[in-house]
Amino acid sequence: MAKYNITLVRSKNGATKRQIANLTSLGLHKMHQTVTVESTPVSEGMIEKVRHLVEIVEVK
């Protein structure tokens, strides 16, 4: 199963409550923090909602 390295590159300021909740659920709390997430339908949906705030790199 694929994995993604997700880095928060834009501030949560100005984001909606739903987007902030998705970032927290993904494990992103601070700017430039990177987490590794497995590719599941749930995590991909959360990533899609905050795609404009994060940088995504697929890990092989």
Protein backbone atom coordinates (compact mmCIF):
# COMPACT_ATOMS: atom_id res chain seq x y z
CA MET A 1 0.00 0.00 0.00
CA ALA A 2 1.28 3.47 -0.86
CA LYS A 3 2.35 6.02 1.72
CA TYR A 4 2.53 9.79 1.55
CA ASN A 5 4.80 12.30 3.27
CA ILE A 6 2.63 15.32 3.99
CA THR A 7 4.13 18.67 5.01
CA LEU A 8 2.12 21.67 6.20
CA VAL A 9 3.45 24.56 4.09
CA ARG A 10 0.71 27.17 4.53
CA SER A 11 -0.76 28.51 7.75
CA LYS A 12 -4.02 27.25 9.24
CA ASN A 13 -5.04 30.88 9.83
CA GLY A 14 -8.06 31.61 7.69
CA ALA A 15 -8.89 27.93 7.16
CA THR A 16 -12.35 26.63 8.01
CA LYS A 17 -13.00 24.55 11.12
CA ARG A 18 -13.42 21.47 8.94
CA GLN A 19 -10.02 21.99 7.29
CA ILE A 20 -8.33 22.52 10.66
CA ALA A 21 -9.96 19.33 11.96
CA ASN A 22 -8.66 17.42 8.93
CA LEU A 23 -5.13 18.73 9.49
CA THR A 24 -5.29 17.70 13.15
CA SER A 25 -6.59 14.24 12.21
CA LEU A 26 -3.68 13.84 9.80
CA GLY A 27 -1.29 14.74 12.64
CA LEU A 28 -0.24 18.18 11.40
CA HIS A 29 -0.06 20.75 14.19
CA LYS A 30 2.83 23.10 13.29
CA MET A 31 4.13 24.74 10.14
CA HIS A 32 6.71 22.68 8.18
CA GLN A 33 5.86 19.56 10.18
CA THR A 34 5.98 16.36 8.13
CA VAL A 35 3.98 13.19 8.78
CA THR A 36 3.79 9.87 6.95
CA VAL A 37 0.27 8.63 6.21
CA GLU A 38 -0.88 5.40 4.57
CA SER A 39 -3.03 5.68 1.47
CA THR A 40 -6.58 4.79 2.50
CA PRO A 41 -9.85 6.23 1.17
CA VAL A 42 -10.33 8.13 4.44
CA SER A 43 -6.86 9.69 4.48
CA GLU A 44 -7.02 10.54 0.77
CA GLY A 45 -10.33 12.34 1.35
CA MET A 46 -8.82 14.38 4.18
CA ILE A 47 -5.77 15.22 2.07
CA GLU A 48 -8.00 16.35 -0.80
CA LYS A 49 -9.82 18.84 1.48
CA VAL A 50 -6.55 20.52 2.54
CA ARG A 51 -4.52 20.07 -0.65
CA HIS A 52 -3.98 23.85 -0.93
CA LEU A 53 -2.31 23.95 2.53
CA VAL A 54 0.01 20.96 2.27
CA GLU A 55 2.74 19.50 0.09
CA ILE A 56 2.35 15.81 -0.74
CA VAL A 57 5.16 13.42 -1.74
CA GLU A 58 4.56 9.75 -2.43
CA VAL A 59 6.96 7.42 -0.61
CA LYS A 60 8.04 4.24 -2.40
